Amino acid sequence: MMMIRTDITKTAAFTGHRFIRYKDRQQLKTNLERAITGCYHSGIRHFLCGMAAGFDMLAAETLLAMKADYPDIRLTAVIPFRGQSCKFNPADKERYRSILGKADDMVCLSETYFDGCFLRRNDYMLERASHIIAYYNGEPKGGTFYTCRRAKRMNLEITNLY
């Protein structure tokens, strides 16, 4: 596993649900742009993305599109295991490949899938960030709940776009 050293105070991470209603996508993208810009103006230049379908990939695509205006922002794709995209639909597989091709860095935490690998990926990002940009509906279940709850316990700043 490759470790990327970052300044935690200049790093944010994305976490969110896989399902985003089609009618909410454009507003969410606008809100992501605002949140990323706000982080940028507070000194954050590095963003970690867990590369799940849904919010993670939308956040990564939004950030990558903003690089024209903010060329010093960096995206690190944090992959829980090699083959993460194997069960994605064809369109999401292509988006995944495209994001990986444009990301500044990539960290793969495991060669193979194992129980808990997604939570391990989330922990990796939380331990390297001071700010979380979330898309969390408030339900007390799942990986986004786990990540937001742990971020709160760690006193990380959380921007919830839900």
C-alpha atoms as a PDB file:
ATOM      1  CA  MET A   1       0.000   0.000   0.000  1.00  0.00           C
ATOM      2  CA  MET A   2       1.350   3.397  -0.991  1.00  0.00           C
ATOM      3  CA  MET A   3       0.992   6.116   1.641  1.00  0.00           C
ATOM      4  CA  ILE A   4       0.478   9.704   0.543  1.00  0.00           C
ATOM      5  CA  ARG A   5       1.725  12.237   3.086  1.00  0.00           C
ATOM      6  CA  THR A   6      -0.458  15.300   3.326  1.00  0.00           C
ATOM      7  CA  ASP A   7      -0.951  18.314   5.540  1.00  0.00           C
ATOM      8  CA  ILE A   8      -4.169  17.393   7.341  1.00  0.00           C
ATOM      9  CA  THR A   9      -5.143  21.053   7.760  1.00  0.00           C
ATOM     10  CA  LYS A  10      -5.108  21.467   3.979  1.00  0.00           C
ATOM     11  CA  THR A  11      -7.019  18.261   3.196  1.00  0.00           C
ATOM     12  CA  ALA A  12     -10.728  17.456   2.852  1.00  0.00           C
ATOM     13  CA  ALA A  13     -12.461  14.160   2.075  1.00  0.00           C
ATOM     14  CA  PHE A  14     -15.722  13.309   0.328  1.00  0.00           C
ATOM     15  CA  THR A  15     -18.313  10.862   1.673  1.00  0.00           C
ATOM     16  CA  GLY A  16     -21.853  10.271   0.537  1.00  0.00           C
ATOM     17  CA  HIS A  17     -24.607   8.007  -0.601  1.00  0.00           C
ATOM     18  CA  ARG A  18     -24.413   5.973  -3.769  1.00  0.00           C
ATOM     19  CA  PHE A  19     -27.931   6.898  -4.868  1.00  0.00           C
ATOM     20  CA  ILE A  20     -28.628  10.459  -5.984  1.00  0.00           C
ATOM     21  CA  ARG A  21     -32.009  11.261  -7.488  1.00  0.00           C
ATOM     22  CA  TYR A  22     -31.625  12.495 -11.054  1.00  0.00           C
ATOM     23  CA  LYS A  23     -33.605  15.667 -10.291  1.00  0.00           C
ATOM     24  CA  ASP A  24     -31.159  16.514  -7.453  1.00  0.00           C
ATOM     25  CA  ARG A  25     -27.906  16.048  -9.407  1.00  0.00           C
ATOM     26  CA  GLN A  26     -27.518  19.546 -10.862  1.00  0.00           C
ATOM     27  CA  GLN A  27     -28.234  21.314  -7.564  1.00  0.00           C
ATOM     28  CA  LEU A  28     -25.889  18.930  -5.765  1.00  0.00           C
ATOM     29  CA  LYS A  29     -23.154  19.672  -8.309  1.00  0.00           C
ATOM     30  CA  THR A  30     -23.661  23.428  -7.735  1.00  0.00           C
ATOM     31  CA  ASN A  31     -23.492  22.873  -3.967  1.00  0.00           C
ATOM     32  CA  LEU A  32     -20.324  20.792  -4.406  1.00  0.00           C
ATOM     33  CA  GLU A  33     -18.708  23.617  -6.374  1.00  0.00           C
ATOM     34  CA  ARG A  34     -19.568  26.040  -3.555  1.00  0.00           C
ATOM     35  CA  ALA A  35     -18.272  23.676  -0.868  1.00  0.00           C
ATOM     36  CA  ILE A  36     -15.018  23.000  -2.730  1.00  0.00           C
ATOM     37  CA  THR A  37     -14.550  26.733  -3.343  1.00  0.00           C
ATOM     38  CA  GLY A  38     -15.195  27.425   0.353  1.00  0.00           C
ATOM     39  CA  CYS A  39     -12.610  24.836   1.329  1.00  0.00           C
ATOM     40  CA  TYR A  40     -10.165  26.327  -1.159  1.00  0.00           C
ATOM     41  CA  HIS A  41     -10.584  29.813   0.309  1.00  0.00           C
ATOM     42  CA  SER A  42      -9.962  28.381   3.789  1.00  0.00           C
ATOM     43  CA  GLY A  43      -6.624  26.941   2.622  1.00  0.00           C
ATOM     44  CA  ILE A  44      -7.591  23.403   1.613  1.00  0.00           C
ATOM     45  CA  ARG A  45      -5.895  22.261  -1.583  1.00  0.00           C
ATOM     46  CA  HIS A  46      -6.016  18.455  -1.342  1.00  0.00           C
ATOM     47  CA  PHE A  47      -9.163  16.330  -1.625  1.00  0.00           C
ATOM     48  CA  LEU A  48      -9.552  12.598  -0.929  1.00  0.00           C
ATOM     49  CA  CYS A  49     -12.189  10.567  -2.753  1.00  0.00           C
ATOM     50  CA  GLY A  50     -13.201   6.973  -1.974  1.00  0.00           C
ATOM     51  CA  MET A  51     -14.336   6.394  -5.589  1.00  0.00           C
ATOM     52  CA  ALA A  52     -17.714   4.790  -4.851  1.00  0.00           C
ATOM     53  CA  ALA A  53     -20.462   5.181  -7.438  1.00  0.00           C
ATOM     54  CA  GLY A  54     -22.808   8.054  -6.672  1.00  0.00           C
ATOM     55  CA  PHE A  55     -21.669  11.013  -4.598  1.00  0.00           C
ATOM     56  CA  ASP A  56     -17.966  10.131  -4.537  1.00  0.00           C
ATOM     57  CA  MET A  57     -17.620  10.069  -8.306  1.00  0.00           C
ATOM     58  CA  LEU A  58     -19.800  13.171  -8.763  1.00  0.00           C
ATOM     59  CA  ALA A  59     -17.582  15.008  -6.264  1.00  0.00           C
ATOM     60  CA  ALA A  60     -14.412  13.878  -8.050  1.00  0.00           C
ATOM     61  CA  GLU A  61     -15.745  14.926 -11.458  1.00  0.00           C
ATOM     62  CA  THR A  62     -16.813  18.303 -10.074  1.00  0.00           C
ATOM     63  CA  LEU A  63     -13.408  18.892  -8.500  1.00  0.00           C
ATOM     64  CA  LEU A  64     -11.564  17.868 -11.662  1.00  0.00           C
ATOM     65  CA  ALA A  65     -13.677  20.294 -13.722  1.00  0.00           C
ATOM     66  CA  MET A  66     -12.720  23.086 -11.301  1.00  0.00           C
ATOM     67  CA  LYS A  67      -8.980  22.565 -11.856  1.00  0.00           C
ATOM     68  CA  ALA A  68      -9.088  25.013 -14.770  1.00  0.00           C
ATOM     69  CA  ASP A  69      -9.854  27.803 -12.277  1.00  0.00           C
ATOM     70  CA  TYR A  70      -7.963  26.297  -9.325  1.00  0.00           C
ATOM     71  CA  PRO A  71      -4.911  24.564 -10.833  1.00  0.00           C
ATOM     72  CA  ASP A  72      -3.293  23.913  -7.444  1.00  0.00           C
ATOM     73  CA  ILE A  73      -6.076  21.680  -6.119  1.00  0.00           C
ATOM     74  CA  ARG A  74      -5.223  17.980  -6.000  1.00  0.00           C
ATOM     75  CA  LEU A  75      -7.362  14.864  -6.056  1.00  0.00           C
ATOM     76  CA  THR A  76      -6.261  11.584  -4.510  1.00  0.00           C
ATOM     77  CA  ALA A  77      -8.379   8.543  -5.343  1.00  0.00           C
ATOM     78  CA  VAL A  78      -8.457   6.229  -2.314  1.00  0.00           C
ATOM     79  CA  ILE A  79      -9.278   2.743  -3.583  1.00  0.00           C
ATOM     80  CA  PRO A  80     -10.388   0.224  -0.920  1.00  0.00           C
ATOM     81  CA  PHE A  81      -9.295  -2.775  -3.027  1.00  0.00           C
ATOM     82  CA  ARG A  82      -8.127  -3.504  -6.555  1.00  0.00           C
ATOM     83  CA  GLY A  83     -11.189  -4.320  -8.622  1.00  0.00           C
ATOM     84  CA  GLN A  84     -13.497  -1.930  -6.751  1.00  0.00           C
ATOM     85  CA  SER A  85     -15.367  -1.098  -9.954  1.00  0.00           C
ATOM     86  CA  CYS A  86     -15.948  -4.722 -11.061  1.00  0.00           C
ATOM     87  CA  LYS A  87     -19.657  -4.625 -10.125  1.00  0.00           C
ATOM     88  CA  PHE A  88     -20.300  -1.082 -11.392  1.00  0.00           C
ATOM     89  CA  ASN A  89     -22.581  -0.639 -14.392  1.00  0.00           C
ATOM     90  CA  PRO A  90     -20.775   0.083 -17.695  1.00  0.00           C
ATOM     91  CA  ALA A  91     -21.298   3.866 -17.500  1.00  0.00           C
ATOM     92  CA  ASP A  92     -19.932   4.048 -13.951  1.00  0.00           C
ATOM     93  CA  LYS A  93     -16.972   1.838 -14.907  1.00  0.00           C
ATOM     94  CA  GLU A  94     -16.085   4.350 -17.624  1.00  0.00           C
ATOM     95  CA  ARG A  95     -16.482   7.294 -15.219  1.00  0.00           C
ATOM     96  CA  TYR A  96     -14.280   5.468 -12.702  1.00  0.00           C
ATOM     97  CA  ARG A  97     -11.529   4.885 -15.289  1.00  0.00           C
ATOM     98  CA  SER A  98     -11.744   8.498 -16.429  1.00  0.00           C
ATOM     99  CA  ILE A  99     -11.438   9.864 -12.881  1.00  0.00           C
ATOM    100  CA  LEU A 100      -8.486   7.584 -12.100  1.00  0.00           C
ATOM    101  CA  GLY A 101      -6.800   8.783 -15.273  1.00  0.00           C
ATOM    102  CA  LYS A 102      -7.159  12.420 -14.209  1.00  0.00           C
ATOM    103  CA  ALA A 103      -6.513  12.087 -10.458  1.00  0.00           C
ATOM    104  CA  ASP A 104      -3.228  13.493  -9.177  1.00  0.00           C
ATOM    105  CA  ASP A 105      -2.582  10.471  -6.958  1.00  0.00           C
ATOM    106  CA  MET A 106      -4.071   7.061  -6.272  1.00  0.00           C
ATOM    107  CA  VAL A 107      -3.783   4.915  -3.152  1.00  0.00           C
ATOM    108  CA  CYS A 108      -4.938   1.278  -3.225  1.00  0.00           C
ATOM    109  CA  LEU A 109      -5.375  -0.028   0.312  1.00  0.00           C
ATOM    110  CA  SER A 110      -5.694  -3.755  -0.480  1.00  0.00           C
ATOM    111  CA  GLU A 111      -5.080  -6.091  -3.387  1.00  0.00           C
ATOM    112  CA  THR A 112      -8.304  -7.984  -2.624  1.00  0.00           C
ATOM    113  CA  TYR A 113     -11.761  -7.390  -1.188  1.00  0.00           C
ATOM    114  CA  PHE A 114     -12.310  -8.228   2.501  1.00  0.00           C
ATOM    115  CA  ASP A 115     -15.112  -7.594   4.989  1.00  0.00           C
ATOM    116  CA  GLY A 116     -14.681  -4.076   6.302  1.00  0.00           C
ATOM    117  CA  CYS A 117     -12.495  -2.804   3.446  1.00  0.00           C
ATOM    118  CA  PHE A 118     -14.839   0.117   2.727  1.00  0.00           C
ATOM    119  CA  LEU A 119     -14.791   1.221   6.377  1.00  0.00           C
ATOM    120  CA  ARG A 120     -11.005   0.909   6.365  1.00  0.00           C
ATOM    121  CA  ARG A 121     -10.937   3.194   3.316  1.00  0.00           C
ATOM    122  CA  ASN A 122     -13.159   5.694   5.145  1.00  0.00           C
ATOM    123  CA  ASP A 123     -10.903   5.567   8.224  1.00  0.00           C
ATOM    124  CA  TYR A 124      -7.857   6.164   6.017  1.00  0.00           C
ATOM    125  CA  MET A 125      -9.447   9.338   4.652  1.00  0.00           C
ATOM    126  CA  LEU A 126     -10.662  10.572   8.058  1.00  0.00           C
ATOM    127  CA  GLU A 127      -7.188  10.186   9.535  1.00  0.00           C
ATOM    128  CA  ARG A 128      -5.772  12.411   6.790  1.00  0.00           C
ATOM    129  CA  ALA A 129      -8.362  15.209   6.591  1.00  0.00           C
ATOM    130  CA  SER A 130      -9.596  18.139   8.661  1.00  0.00           C
ATOM    131  CA  HIS A 131     -12.813  18.677   6.716  1.00  0.00           C
ATOM    132  CA  ILE A 132     -15.490  16.344   5.342  1.00  0.00           C
ATOM    133  CA  ILE A 133     -17.795  17.234   2.467  1.00  0.00           C
ATOM    134  CA  ALA A 134     -20.745  14.875   2.853  1.00  0.00           C
ATOM    135  CA  TYR A 135     -23.997  13.953   1.181  1.00  0.00           C
ATOM    136  CA  TYR A 136     -25.711  12.329   4.156  1.00  0.00           C
ATOM    137  CA  ASN A 137     -29.461  11.890   4.635  1.00  0.00           C
ATOM    138  CA  GLY A 138     -29.262  11.430   8.416  1.00  0.00           C
ATOM    139  CA  GLU A 139     -30.255   7.756   8.537  1.00  0.00           C
ATOM    140  CA  PRO A 140     -28.294   5.828  11.201  1.00  0.00           C
ATOM    141  CA  LYS A 141     -26.985   3.061   8.916  1.00  0.00           C
ATOM    142  CA  GLY A 142     -24.351   2.459   6.263  1.00  0.00           C
ATOM    143  CA  GLY A 143     -20.897   3.700   5.407  1.00  0.00           C
ATOM    144  CA  THR A 144     -21.813   7.381   5.132  1.00  0.00           C
ATOM    145  CA  PHE A 145     -23.399   7.261   8.596  1.00  0.00           C
ATOM    146  CA  TYR A 146     -20.276   5.555   9.971  1.00  0.00           C
ATOM    147  CA  THR A 147     -17.986   8.126   8.373  1.00  0.00           C
ATOM    148  CA  CYS A 148     -19.974  11.195   9.443  1.00  0.00           C
ATOM    149  CA  ARG A 149     -20.390   9.877  12.989  1.00  0.00           C
ATOM    150  CA  ARG A 150     -16.671   9.150  13.275  1.00  0.00           C
ATOM    151  CA  ALA A 151     -15.775  12.545  11.759  1.00  0.00           C
ATOM    152  CA  LYS A 152     -17.975  14.244  14.367  1.00  0.00           C
ATOM    153  CA  ARG A 153     -16.292  12.277  17.173  1.00  0.00           C
ATOM    154  CA  MET A 154     -12.918  13.354  15.767  1.00  0.00           C
ATOM    155  CA  ASN A 155     -14.098  16.998  15.775  1.00  0.00           C
ATOM    156  CA  LEU A 156     -13.613  17.344  12.031  1.00  0.00           C
ATOM    157  CA  GLU A 157     -15.497  20.078  10.232  1.00  0.00           C
ATOM    158  CA  ILE A 158     -18.407  18.617   8.259  1.00  0.00           C
ATOM    159  CA  THR A 159     -20.252  20.266   5.388  1.00  0.00           C
ATOM    160  CA  ASN A 160     -23.379  18.235   4.641  1.00  0.00           C
ATOM    161  CA  LEU A 161     -24.887  18.950   1.228  1.00  0.00           C
ATOM    162  CA  TYR A 162     -27.981  16.776   1.644  1.00  0.00           C
END
